[in-house]
Amino acid sequence: SEQDFDDVQVTAIETGNGSNVQQVLARFPVTEVVSLTGGSPTETISVSLTNRGLSTKPDVGFVECSTDPNIQASYDFDNASNSSTVAYIDLETMDGTNLHTGLQRFSIEFIEYL
């Protein structure tokens, strides 16, 4: 009922033997303000992961520029320098113009699965 707080209904839970469900070992959500060099349509930035609970490079990363909708950001999973202490993000403008020099805010989340 509406007022019965111990009457909980839950839907859409995926269960299984572990082969089809990924367990999260570490999760690091953050907002970062980064000073871009600019002057080119692409740039790579790094995010410190030191003391964030990761034991290896993140399995996935989600990135969005919060201040400029023309900047597309993506976790560079294949960058050989990614580790438990640093992750690299590739930036590019969606219209091919040069990135502006200066500060941009990014909403970021990195996840390591078990």
PDB file of N, CA and C in Angstrom:
ATOM      1  N   SER A   1       0.841  -1.192   0.000  1.00  0.00           N
ATOM      2  CA  SER A   1       0.000   0.000   0.000  1.00  0.00           C
ATOM      3  C   SER A   1       0.879   1.245   0.000  1.00  0.00           C
ATOM      4  N   GLU A   2       0.259   2.400  -0.236  1.00  0.00           N
ATOM      5  CA  GLU A   2       1.024   3.644  -0.331  1.00  0.00           C
ATOM      6  C   GLU A   2       1.703   4.025   0.979  1.00  0.00           C
ATOM      7  N   GLN A   3       1.090   3.725   2.101  1.00  0.00           N
ATOM      8  CA  GLN A   3       1.631   4.135   3.384  1.00  0.00           C
ATOM      9  C   GLN A   3       2.428   3.032   4.088  1.00  0.00           C
ATOM     10  N   ASP A   4       2.462   1.862   3.533  1.00  0.00           N
ATOM     11  CA  ASP A   4       3.153   0.741   4.158  1.00  0.00           C
ATOM     12  C   ASP A   4       4.596   0.703   3.658  1.00  0.00           C
ATOM     13  N   PHE A   5       5.534   1.221   4.459  1.00  0.00           N
ATOM     14  CA  PHE A   5       6.909   1.387   4.039  1.00  0.00           C
ATOM     15  C   PHE A   5       7.682   0.082   3.923  1.00  0.00           C
ATOM     16  N   ASP A   6       7.174  -1.007   4.490  1.00  0.00           N
ATOM     17  CA  ASP A   6       7.881  -2.276   4.327  1.00  0.00           C
ATOM     18  C   ASP A   6       7.273  -3.125   3.207  1.00  0.00           C
ATOM     19  N   ASP A   7       6.353  -2.543   2.455  1.00  0.00           N
ATOM     20  CA  ASP A   7       5.774  -3.189   1.284  1.00  0.00           C
ATOM     21  C   ASP A   7       6.510  -2.658   0.056  1.00  0.00           C
ATOM     22  N   VAL A   8       7.602  -3.325  -0.313  1.00  0.00           N
ATOM     23  CA  VAL A   8       8.465  -2.847  -1.385  1.00  0.00           C
ATOM     24  C   VAL A   8       8.255  -3.689  -2.629  1.00  0.00           C
ATOM     25  N   GLN A   9       8.075  -3.027  -3.757  1.00  0.00           N
ATOM     26  CA  GLN A   9       7.962  -3.716  -5.033  1.00  0.00           C
ATOM     27  C   GLN A   9       9.161  -3.343  -5.893  1.00  0.00           C
ATOM     28  N   VAL A  10       9.837  -4.353  -6.406  1.00  0.00           N
ATOM     29  CA  VAL A  10      11.017  -4.130  -7.229  1.00  0.00           C
ATOM     30  C   VAL A  10      10.825  -4.871  -8.535  1.00  0.00           C
ATOM     31  N   THR A  11      11.180  -4.204  -9.643  1.00  0.00           N
ATOM     32  CA  THR A  11      11.072  -4.851 -10.943  1.00  0.00           C
ATOM     33  C   THR A  11      12.379  -4.692 -11.703  1.00  0.00           C
ATOM     34  N   ALA A  12      12.541  -5.493 -12.746  1.00  0.00           N
ATOM     35  CA  ALA A  12      13.666  -5.398 -13.687  1.00  0.00           C
ATOM     36  C   ALA A  12      15.019  -5.713 -13.064  1.00  0.00           C
ATOM     37  N   ILE A  13      15.060  -6.659 -12.156  1.00  0.00           N
ATOM     38  CA  ILE A  13      16.342  -7.107 -11.606  1.00  0.00           C
ATOM     39  C   ILE A  13      16.812  -8.295 -12.435  1.00  0.00           C
ATOM     40  N   GLU A  14      18.032  -8.218 -12.930  1.00  0.00           N
ATOM     41  CA  GLU A  14      18.587  -9.316 -13.711  1.00  0.00           C
ATOM     42  C   GLU A  14      19.302 -10.264 -12.760  1.00  0.00           C
ATOM     43  N   THR A  15      18.941 -11.518 -12.821  1.00  0.00           N
ATOM     44  CA  THR A  15      19.593 -12.519 -11.989  1.00  0.00           C
ATOM     45  C   THR A  15      20.217 -13.560 -12.894  1.00  0.00           C
ATOM     46  N   GLY A  16      21.159 -14.268 -12.359  1.00  0.00           N
ATOM     47  CA  GLY A  16      21.805 -15.300 -13.162  1.00  0.00           C
ATOM     48  C   GLY A  16      22.937 -15.929 -12.399  1.00  0.00           C
ATOM     49  N   ASN A  17      23.681 -16.760 -13.098  1.00  0.00           N
ATOM     50  CA  ASN A  17      24.762 -17.494 -12.453  1.00  0.00           C
ATOM     51  C   ASN A  17      26.077 -16.734 -12.468  1.00  0.00           C
ATOM     52  N   GLY A  18      26.065 -15.487 -12.880  1.00  0.00           N
ATOM     53  CA  GLY A  18      27.287 -14.694 -12.902  1.00  0.00           C
ATOM     54  C   GLY A  18      27.873 -14.551 -14.283  1.00  0.00           C
ATOM     55  N   SER A  19      27.524 -15.444 -15.193  1.00  0.00           N
ATOM     56  CA  SER A  19      28.087 -15.349 -16.536  1.00  0.00           C
ATOM     57  C   SER A  19      27.409 -14.259 -17.361  1.00  0.00           C
ATOM     58  N   ASN A  20      26.219 -13.849 -16.972  1.00  0.00           N
ATOM     59  CA  ASN A  20      25.521 -12.815 -17.726  1.00  0.00           C
ATOM     60  C   ASN A  20      25.303 -11.542 -16.919  1.00  0.00           C
ATOM     61  N   VAL A  21      25.838 -11.471 -15.722  1.00  0.00           N
ATOM     62  CA  VAL A  21      25.702 -10.300 -14.871  1.00  0.00           C
ATOM     63  C   VAL A  21      27.095  -9.844 -14.452  1.00  0.00           C
ATOM     64  N   GLN A  22      27.419  -8.574 -14.712  1.00  0.00           N
ATOM     65  CA  GLN A  22      28.735  -8.069 -14.334  1.00  0.00           C
ATOM     66  C   GLN A  22      28.670  -7.405 -12.973  1.00  0.00           C
ATOM     67  N   GLN A  23      29.588  -7.796 -12.100  1.00  0.00           N
ATOM     68  CA  GLN A  23      29.682  -7.183 -10.785  1.00  0.00           C
ATOM     69  C   GLN A  23      30.654  -6.014 -10.849  1.00  0.00           C
ATOM     70  N   VAL A  24      30.300  -4.913 -10.234  1.00  0.00           N
ATOM     71  CA  VAL A  24      31.157  -3.736 -10.200  1.00  0.00           C
ATOM     72  C   VAL A  24      32.147  -3.879  -9.049  1.00  0.00           C
ATOM     73  N   LEU A  25      33.419  -3.792  -9.391  1.00  0.00           N
ATOM     74  CA  LEU A  25      34.474  -3.841  -8.376  1.00  0.00           C
ATOM     75  C   LEU A  25      34.784  -2.435  -7.869  1.00  0.00           C
ATOM     76  N   ALA A  26      34.868  -1.472  -8.788  1.00  0.00           N
ATOM     77  CA  ALA A  26      35.146  -0.084  -8.408  1.00  0.00           C
ATOM     78  C   ALA A  26      34.415   0.846  -9.368  1.00  0.00           C
ATOM     79  N   ARG A  27      33.960   1.967  -8.821  1.00  0.00           N
ATOM     80  CA  ARG A  27      33.241   2.965  -9.606  1.00  0.00           C
ATOM     81  C   ARG A  27      33.729   4.330  -9.170  1.00  0.00           C
ATOM     82  N   PHE A  28      34.096   5.169 -10.147  1.00  0.00           N
ATOM     83  CA  PHE A  28      34.607   6.496  -9.833  1.00  0.00           C
ATOM     84  C   PHE A  28      33.879   7.553 -10.672  1.00  0.00           C
ATOM     85  N   PRO A  29      32.820   8.153 -10.116  1.00  0.00           N
ATOM     86  CA  PRO A  29      32.161   9.263 -10.803  1.00  0.00           C
ATOM     87  C   PRO A  29      32.789  10.583 -10.355  1.00  0.00           C
ATOM     88  N   VAL A  30      32.988  11.495 -11.298  1.00  0.00           N
ATOM     89  CA  VAL A  30      33.639  12.755 -10.945  1.00  0.00           C
ATOM     90  C   VAL A  30      33.269  13.829 -11.959  1.00  0.00           C
ATOM     91  N   THR A  31      33.343  15.069 -11.534  1.00  0.00           N
ATOM     92  CA  THR A  31      33.281  16.189 -12.463  1.00  0.00           C
ATOM     93  C   THR A  31      34.651  16.850 -12.424  1.00  0.00           C
ATOM     94  N   GLU A  32      35.228  17.072 -13.588  1.00  0.00           N
ATOM     95  CA  GLU A  32      36.577  17.630 -13.701  1.00  0.00           C
ATOM     96  C   GLU A  32      36.531  18.886 -14.558  1.00  0.00           C
ATOM     97  N   VAL A  33      37.232  19.913 -14.115  1.00  0.00           N
ATOM     98  CA  VAL A  33      37.438  21.104 -14.933  1.00  0.00           C
ATOM     99  C   VAL A  33      38.853  21.007 -15.484  1.00  0.00           C
ATOM    100  N   VAL A  34      38.953  21.013 -16.816  1.00  0.00           N
ATOM    101  CA  VAL A  34      40.223  20.780 -17.491  1.00  0.00           C
ATOM    102  C   VAL A  34      40.556  21.996 -18.348  1.00  0.00           C
ATOM    103  N   SER A  35      41.822  22.395 -18.321  1.00  0.00           N
ATOM    104  CA  SER A  35      42.298  23.473 -19.180  1.00  0.00           C
ATOM    105  C   SER A  35      42.760  22.865 -20.499  1.00  0.00           C
ATOM    106  N   LEU A  36      42.043  23.186 -21.575  1.00  0.00           N
ATOM    107  CA  LEU A  36      42.385  22.642 -22.884  1.00  0.00           C
ATOM    108  C   LEU A  36      43.436  23.502 -23.570  1.00  0.00           C
ATOM    109  N   THR A  37      44.323  22.857 -24.309  1.00  0.00           N
ATOM    110  CA  THR A  37      45.333  23.561 -25.099  1.00  0.00           C
ATOM    111  C   THR A  37      44.662  24.254 -26.268  1.00  0.00           C
ATOM    112  N   GLY A  38      43.720  23.562 -26.917  1.00  0.00           N
ATOM    113  CA  GLY A  38      42.976  24.133 -28.030  1.00  0.00           C
ATOM    114  C   GLY A  38      43.817  24.277 -29.288  1.00  0.00           C
ATOM    115  N   GLY A  39      43.217  24.882 -30.326  1.00  0.00           N
ATOM    116  CA  GLY A  39      43.919  25.128 -31.577  1.00  0.00           C
ATOM    117  C   GLY A  39      43.893  23.970 -32.552  1.00  0.00           C
ATOM    118  N   SER A  40      43.219  22.879 -32.206  1.00  0.00           N
ATOM    119  CA  SER A  40      43.109  21.694 -33.057  1.00  0.00           C
ATOM    120  C   SER A  40      41.720  21.113 -32.852  1.00  0.00           C
ATOM    121  N   PRO A  41      41.190  20.368 -33.828  1.00  0.00           N
ATOM    122  CA  PRO A  41      39.864  19.767 -33.637  1.00  0.00           C
ATOM    123  C   PRO A  41      39.865  18.590 -32.661  1.00  0.00           C
ATOM    124  N   THR A  42      41.052  18.070 -32.315  1.00  0.00           N
ATOM    125  CA  THR A  42      41.152  16.934 -31.381  1.00  0.00           C
ATOM    126  C   THR A  42      42.172  17.223 -30.300  1.00  0.00           C
ATOM    127  N   GLU A  43      41.992  16.564 -29.173  1.00  0.00           N
ATOM    128  CA  GLU A  43      42.939  16.682 -28.056  1.00  0.00           C
ATOM    129  C   GLU A  43      42.714  15.493 -27.135  1.00  0.00           C
ATOM    130  N   THR A  44      43.770  15.059 -26.457  1.00  0.00           N
ATOM    131  CA  THR A  44      43.659  13.988 -25.474  1.00  0.00           C
ATOM    132  C   THR A  44      43.977  14.562 -24.101  1.00  0.00           C
ATOM    133  N   ILE A  45      43.118  14.243 -23.134  1.00  0.00           N
ATOM    134  CA  ILE A  45      43.341  14.688 -21.757  1.00  0.00           C
ATOM    135  C   ILE A  45      43.449  13.458 -20.865  1.00  0.00           C
ATOM    136  N   SER A  46      44.005  13.652 -19.679  1.00  0.00           N
ATOM    137  CA  SER A  46      44.122  12.546 -18.725  1.00  0.00           C
ATOM    138  C   SER A  46      43.367  12.886 -17.454  1.00  0.00           C
ATOM    139  N   VAL A  47      42.896  11.832 -16.784  1.00  0.00           N
ATOM    140  CA  VAL A  47      42.195  11.970 -15.506  1.00  0.00           C
ATOM    141  C   VAL A  47      42.915  11.096 -14.490  1.00  0.00           C
ATOM    142  N   SER A  48      43.269  11.680 -13.359  1.00  0.00           N
ATOM    143  CA  SER A  48      43.934  10.912 -12.305  1.00  0.00           C
ATOM    144  C   SER A  48      42.945   9.971 -11.629  1.00  0.00           C
ATOM    145  N   LEU A  49      43.358   8.719 -11.493  1.00  0.00           N
ATOM    146  CA  LEU A  49      42.552   7.711 -10.802  1.00  0.00           C
ATOM    147  C   LEU A  49      43.227   7.249  -9.513  1.00  0.00           C
ATOM    148  N   THR A  50      44.272   7.927  -9.105  1.00  0.00           N
ATOM    149  CA  THR A  50      45.032   7.547  -7.919  1.00  0.00           C
ATOM    150  C   THR A  50      44.132   7.489  -6.694  1.00  0.00           C
ATOM    151  N   ASN A  51      44.246   6.395  -5.943  1.00  0.00           N
ATOM    152  CA  ASN A  51      43.481   6.174  -4.711  1.00  0.00           C
ATOM    153  C   ASN A  51      41.976   6.194  -4.925  1.00  0.00           C
ATOM    154  N   ARG A  52      41.522   5.696  -6.072  1.00  0.00           N
ATOM    155  CA  ARG A  52      40.089   5.651  -6.369  1.00  0.00           C
ATOM    156  C   ARG A  52      39.540   4.234  -6.337  1.00  0.00           C
ATOM    157  N   GLY A  53      40.355   3.260  -5.909  1.00  0.00           N
ATOM    158  CA  GLY A  53      39.872   1.900  -5.717  1.00  0.00           C
ATOM    159  C   GLY A  53      39.986   0.983  -6.908  1.00  0.00           C
ATOM    160  N   LEU A  54      40.534   1.468  -8.010  1.00  0.00           N
ATOM    161  CA  LEU A  54      40.693   0.616  -9.182  1.00  0.00           C
ATOM    162  C   LEU A  54      41.979  -0.199  -9.060  1.00  0.00           C
ATOM    163  N   SER A  55      41.923  -1.443  -9.517  1.00  0.00           N
ATOM    164  CA  SER A  55      43.110  -2.301  -9.454  1.00  0.00           C
ATOM    165  C   SER A  55      43.763  -2.457 -10.821  1.00  0.00           C
ATOM    166  N   THR A  56      43.099  -1.973 -11.867  1.00  0.00           N
ATOM    167  CA  THR A  56      43.612  -2.019 -13.233  1.00  0.00           C
ATOM    168  C   THR A  56      42.952  -0.888 -14.001  1.00  0.00           C
ATOM    169  N   LYS A  57      43.240  -0.782 -15.292  1.00  0.00           N
ATOM    170  CA  LYS A  57      42.585   0.277 -16.064  1.00  0.00           C
ATOM    171  C   LYS A  57      41.074   0.034 -16.062  1.00  0.00           C
ATOM    172  N   PRO A  58      40.282   1.089 -16.151  1.00  0.00           N
ATOM    173  CA  PRO A  58      38.830   0.927 -16.151  1.00  0.00           C
ATOM    174  C   PRO A  58      38.355   0.073 -17.322  1.00  0.00           C
ATOM    175  N   ASP A  59      37.326  -0.731 -17.072  1.00  0.00           N
ATOM    176  CA  ASP A  59      36.715  -1.527 -18.131  1.00  0.00           C
ATOM    177  C   ASP A  59      35.850  -0.665 -19.042  1.00  0.00           C
ATOM    178  N   VAL A  60      35.228   0.337 -18.465  1.00  0.00           N
ATOM    179  CA  VAL A  60      34.409   1.270 -19.241  1.00  0.00           C
ATOM    180  C   VAL A  60      34.553   2.674 -18.669  1.00  0.00           C
ATOM    181  N   GLY A  61      34.292   3.637 -19.515  1.00  0.00           N
ATOM    182  CA  GLY A  61      34.301   5.028 -19.089  1.00  0.00           C
ATOM    183  C   GLY A  61      33.231   5.793 -19.838  1.00  0.00           C
ATOM    184  N   PHE A  62      32.528   6.645 -19.142  1.00  0.00           N
ATOM    185  CA  PHE A  62      31.484   7.472 -19.727  1.00  0.00           C
ATOM    186  C   PHE A  62      31.873   8.923 -19.512  1.00  0.00           C
ATOM    187  N   VAL A  63      31.876   9.708 -20.582  1.00  0.00           N
ATOM    188  CA  VAL A  63      32.344  11.091 -20.498  1.00  0.00           C
ATOM    189  C   VAL A  63      31.415  11.992 -21.291  1.00  0.00           C
ATOM    190  N   GLU A  64      31.154  13.165 -20.729  1.00  0.00           N
ATOM    191  CA  GLU A  64      30.359  14.168 -21.424  1.00  0.00           C
ATOM    192  C   GLU A  64      30.905  15.540 -21.069  1.00  0.00           C
ATOM    193  N   CYS A  65      31.040  16.392 -22.064  1.00  0.00           N
ATOM    194  CA  CYS A  65      31.424  17.774 -21.801  1.00  0.00           C
ATOM    195  C   CYS A  65      30.179  18.510 -21.326  1.00  0.00           C
ATOM    196  N   SER A  66      30.255  19.072 -20.139  1.00  0.00           N
ATOM    197  CA  SER A  66      29.104  19.738 -19.525  1.00  0.00           C
ATOM    198  C   SER A  66      28.978  21.200 -19.926  1.00  0.00           C
ATOM    199  N   THR A  67      30.014  21.756 -20.560  1.00  0.00           N
ATOM    200  CA  THR A  67      30.024  23.187 -20.843  1.00  0.00           C
ATOM    201  C   THR A  67      29.962  23.540 -22.317  1.00  0.00           C
ATOM    202  N   ASP A  68      30.237  22.580 -23.210  1.00  0.00           N
ATOM    203  CA  ASP A  68      30.233  22.875 -24.644  1.00  0.00           C
ATOM    204  C   ASP A  68      29.633  21.694 -25.401  1.00  0.00           C
ATOM    205  N   PRO A  69      28.417  21.837 -25.916  1.00  0.00           N
ATOM    206  CA  PRO A  69      27.770  20.724 -26.616  1.00  0.00           C
ATOM    207  C   PRO A  69      28.470  20.334 -27.922  1.00  0.00           C
ATOM    208  N   ASN A  70      29.407  21.141 -28.404  1.00  0.00           N
ATOM    209  CA  ASN A  70      30.138  20.835 -29.630  1.00  0.00           C
ATOM    210  C   ASN A  70      31.334  19.913 -29.375  1.00  0.00           C
ATOM    211  N   ILE A  71      31.646  19.641 -28.102  1.00  0.00           N
ATOM    212  CA  ILE A  71      32.778  18.770 -27.780  1.00  0.00           C
ATOM    213  C   ILE A  71      32.267  17.361 -27.493  1.00  0.00           C
ATOM    214  N   GLN A  72      32.756  16.424 -28.284  1.00  0.00           N
ATOM    215  CA  GLN A  72      32.462  15.005 -28.065  1.00  0.00           C
ATOM    216  C   GLN A  72      33.645  14.408 -27.316  1.00  0.00           C
ATOM    217  N   ALA A  73      33.366  13.691 -26.237  1.00  0.00           N
ATOM    218  CA  ALA A  73      34.420  13.106 -25.408  1.00  0.00           C
ATOM    219  C   ALA A  73      34.200  11.618 -25.280  1.00  0.00           C
ATOM    220  N   SER A  74      35.296  10.844 -25.328  1.00  0.00           N
ATOM    221  CA  SER A  74      35.176   9.396 -25.182  1.00  0.00           C
ATOM    222  C   SER A  74      36.412   8.839 -24.480  1.00  0.00           C
ATOM    223  N   TYR A  75      36.182   7.816 -23.660  1.00  0.00           N
ATOM    224  CA  TYR A  75      37.263   7.115 -22.965  1.00  0.00           C
ATOM    225  C   TYR A  75      38.081   6.359 -24.002  1.00  0.00           C
ATOM    226  N   ASP A  76      39.390   6.601 -24.025  1.00  0.00           N
ATOM    227  CA  ASP A  76      40.292   5.944 -24.975  1.00  0.00           C
ATOM    228  C   ASP A  76      40.749   4.611 -24.379  1.00  0.00           C
ATOM    229  N   PHE A  77      39.878   3.613 -24.428  1.00  0.00           N
ATOM    230  CA  PHE A  77      40.139   2.310 -23.815  1.00  0.00           C
ATOM    231  C   PHE A  77      41.440   1.690 -24.301  1.00  0.00           C
ATOM    232  N   ASP A  78      41.771   1.886 -25.561  1.00  0.00           N
ATOM    233  CA  ASP A  78      42.943   1.233 -26.149  1.00  0.00           C
ATOM    234  C   ASP A  78      44.256   1.976 -25.930  1.00  0.00           C
ATOM    235  N   ASN A  79      44.228   3.097 -25.230  1.00  0.00           N
ATOM    236  CA  ASN A  79      45.466   3.830 -24.942  1.00  0.00           C
ATOM    237  C   ASN A  79      46.339   2.969 -24.029  1.00  0.00           C
ATOM    238  N   ALA A  80      47.542   2.652 -24.469  1.00  0.00           N
ATOM    239  CA  ALA A  80      48.446   1.762 -23.727  1.00  0.00           C
ATOM    240  C   ALA A  80      48.870   2.334 -22.379  1.00  0.00           C
ATOM    241  N   SER A  81      48.689   3.633 -22.168  1.00  0.00           N
ATOM    242  CA  SER A  81      49.094   4.257 -20.903  1.00  0.00           C
ATOM    243  C   SER A  81      47.997   4.247 -19.841  1.00  0.00           C
ATOM    244  N   ASN A  82      46.782   3.804 -20.184  1.00  0.00           N
ATOM    245  CA  ASN A  82      45.728   3.679 -19.175  1.00  0.00           C
ATOM    246  C   ASN A  82      46.183   2.712 -18.091  1.00  0.00           C
ATOM    247  N   SER A  83      45.817   3.012 -16.854  1.00  0.00           N
ATOM    248  CA  SER A  83      46.204   2.145 -15.736  1.00  0.00           C
ATOM    249  C   SER A  83      45.222   2.358 -14.591  1.00  0.00           C
ATOM    250  N   SER A  84      45.549   1.791 -13.444  1.00  0.00           N
ATOM    251  CA  SER A  84      44.712   1.989 -12.261  1.00  0.00           C
ATOM    252  C   SER A  84      44.851   3.402 -11.699  1.00  0.00           C
ATOM    253  N   THR A  85      45.820   4.162 -12.193  1.00  0.00           N
ATOM    254  CA  THR A  85      46.062   5.510 -11.662  1.00  0.00           C
ATOM    255  C   THR A  85      45.788   6.634 -12.653  1.00  0.00           C
ATOM    256  N   VAL A  86      45.579   6.308 -13.923  1.00  0.00           N
ATOM    257  CA  VAL A  86      45.307   7.354 -14.918  1.00  0.00           C
ATOM    258  C   VAL A  86      44.509   6.763 -16.083  1.00  0.00           C
ATOM    259  N   ALA A  87      43.589   7.584 -16.615  1.00  0.00           N
ATOM    260  CA  ALA A  87      42.812   7.188 -17.792  1.00  0.00           C
ATOM    261  C   ALA A  87      42.822   8.352 -18.777  1.00  0.00           C
ATOM    262  N   TYR A  88      42.801   8.006 -20.058  1.00  0.00           N
ATOM    263  CA  TYR A  88      42.884   9.016 -21.108  1.00  0.00           C
ATOM    264  C   TYR A  88      41.549   9.156 -21.834  1.00  0.00           C
ATOM    265  N   ILE A  89      41.227  10.395 -22.145  1.00  0.00           N
ATOM    266  CA  ILE A  89      39.973  10.746 -22.801  1.00  0.00           C
ATOM    267  C   ILE A  89      40.298  11.512 -24.077  1.00  0.00           C
ATOM    268  N   ASP A  90      39.686  11.073 -25.184  1.00  0.00           N
ATOM    269  CA  ASP A  90      39.852  11.759 -26.459  1.00  0.00           C
ATOM    270  C   ASP A  90      38.717  12.760 -26.642  1.00  0.00           C
ATOM    271  N   LEU A  91      39.092  13.958 -27.068  1.00  0.00           N
ATOM    272  CA  LEU A  91      38.126  15.020 -27.328  1.00  0.00           C
ATOM    273  C   LEU A  91      38.165  15.378 -28.799  1.00  0.00           C
ATOM    274  N   GLU A  92      37.017  15.722 -29.339  1.00  0.00           N
ATOM    275  CA  GLU A  92      36.969  16.259 -30.696  1.00  0.00           C
ATOM    276  C   GLU A  92      35.718  17.107 -30.831  1.00  0.00           C
ATOM    277  N   THR A  93      35.828  18.108 -31.702  1.00  0.00           N
ATOM    278  CA  THR A  93      34.645  18.923 -31.959  1.00  0.00           C
ATOM    279  C   THR A  93      33.757  18.184 -32.948  1.00  0.00           C
ATOM    280  N   MET A  94      32.474  18.319 -32.761  1.00  0.00           N
ATOM    281  CA  MET A  94      31.519  17.607 -33.611  1.00  0.00           C
ATOM    282  C   MET A  94      31.418  18.237 -34.998  1.00  0.00           C
ATOM    283  N   ASP A  95      31.755  19.525 -35.109  1.00  0.00           N
ATOM    284  CA  ASP A  95      31.652  20.191 -36.414  1.00  0.00           C
ATOM    285  C   ASP A  95      33.004  20.357 -37.106  1.00  0.00           C
ATOM    286  N   GLY A  96      34.076  19.813 -36.502  1.00  0.00           N
ATOM    287  CA  GLY A  96      35.391  19.865 -37.133  1.00  0.00           C
ATOM    288  C   GLY A  96      36.177  21.137 -36.908  1.00  0.00           C
ATOM    289  N   THR A  97      35.602  22.104 -36.193  1.00  0.00           N
ATOM    290  CA  THR A  97      36.340  23.334 -35.895  1.00  0.00           C
ATOM    291  C   THR A  97      37.352  23.052 -34.783  1.00  0.00           C
ATOM    292  N   ASN A  98      38.253  23.987 -34.553  1.00  0.00           N
ATOM    293  CA  ASN A  98      39.260  23.815 -33.512  1.00  0.00           C
ATOM    294  C   ASN A  98      38.653  23.961 -32.120  1.00  0.00           C
ATOM    295  N   LEU A  99      39.168  23.172 -31.190  1.00  0.00           N
ATOM    296  CA  LEU A  99      38.806  23.326 -29.780  1.00  0.00           C
ATOM    297  C   LEU A  99      39.309  24.682 -29.301  1.00  0.00           C
ATOM    298  N   HIS A 100      38.554  25.280 -28.412  1.00  0.00           N
ATOM    299  CA  HIS A 100      38.962  26.561 -27.844  1.00  0.00           C
ATOM    300  C   HIS A 100      39.931  26.337 -26.693  1.00  0.00           C
ATOM    301  N   THR A 101      40.877  27.230 -26.546  1.00  0.00           N
ATOM    302  CA  THR A 101      41.773  27.214 -25.398  1.00  0.00           C
ATOM    303  C   THR A 101      40.976  27.650 -24.173  1.00  0.00           C
ATOM    304  N   GLY A 102      41.205  26.973 -23.038  1.00  0.00           N
ATOM    305  CA  GLY A 102      40.545  27.396 -21.814  1.00  0.00           C
ATOM    306  C   GLY A 102      39.890  26.257 -21.071  1.00  0.00           C
ATOM    307  N   LEU A 103      39.137  26.619 -20.066  1.00  0.00           N
ATOM    308  CA  LEU A 103      38.541  25.649 -19.154  1.00  0.00           C
ATOM    309  C   LEU A 103      37.250  25.066 -19.709  1.00  0.00           C
ATOM    310  N   GLN A 104      37.109  23.746 -19.543  1.00  0.00           N
ATOM    311  CA  GLN A 104      35.880  23.031 -19.879  1.00  0.00           C
ATOM    312  C   GLN A 104      35.590  22.043 -18.749  1.00  0.00           C
ATOM    313  N   ARG A 105      34.323  21.867 -18.440  1.00  0.00           N
ATOM    314  CA  ARG A 105      33.917  20.919 -17.390  1.00  0.00           C
ATOM    315  C   ARG A 105      33.417  19.625 -18.035  1.00  0.00           C
ATOM    316  N   PHE A 106      33.865  18.491 -17.463  1.00  0.00           N
ATOM    317  CA  PHE A 106      33.476  17.176 -17.948  1.00  0.00           C
ATOM    318  C   PHE A 106      32.860  16.365 -16.819  1.00  0.00           C
ATOM    319  N   SER A 107      31.761  15.684 -17.114  1.00  0.00           N
ATOM    320  CA  SER A 107      31.159  14.725 -16.197  1.00  0.00           C
ATOM    321  C   SER A 107      31.673  13.356 -16.630  1.00  0.00           C
ATOM    322  N   ILE A 108      32.285  12.627 -15.683  1.00  0.00           N
ATOM    323  CA  ILE A 108      33.013  11.417 -16.021  1.00  0.00           C
ATOM    324  C   ILE A 108      32.657  10.303 -15.033  1.00  0.00           C
ATOM    325  N   GLU A 109      32.600   9.088 -15.552  1.00  0.00           N
ATOM    326  CA  GLU A 109      32.466   7.931 -14.670  1.00  0.00           C
ATOM    327  C   GLU A 109      33.291   6.789 -15.256  1.00  0.00           C
ATOM    328  N   PHE A 110      34.140   6.218 -14.410  1.00  0.00           N
ATOM    329  CA  PHE A 110      34.924   5.038 -14.783  1.00  0.00           C
ATOM    330  C   PHE A 110      34.478   3.864 -13.921  1.00  0.00           C
ATOM    331  N   ILE A 111      34.435   2.676 -14.539  1.00  0.00           N
ATOM    332  CA  ILE A 111      34.000   1.468 -13.828  1.00  0.00           C
ATOM    333  C   ILE A 111      34.970   0.333 -14.103  1.00  0.00           C
ATOM    334  N   GLU A 112      35.287  -0.393 -13.054  1.00  0.00           N
ATOM    335  CA  GLU A 112      36.057  -1.643 -13.172  1.00  0.00           C
ATOM    336  C   GLU A 112      35.141  -2.782 -12.739  1.00  0.00           C
ATOM    337  N   TYR A 113      35.008  -3.778 -13.603  1.00  0.00           N
ATOM    338  CA  TYR A 113      34.179  -4.943 -13.281  1.00  0.00           C
ATOM    339  C   TYR A 113      35.016  -6.052 -12.681  1.00  0.00           C
ATOM    340  N   LEU A 114      34.367  -6.870 -11.890  1.00  0.00           N
ATOM    341  CA  LEU A 114      35.019  -8.010 -11.246  1.00  0.00           C
ATOM    342  C   LEU A 114      35.289  -9.086 -12.273  1.00  0.00           C
TER     343      LEU A 114
END
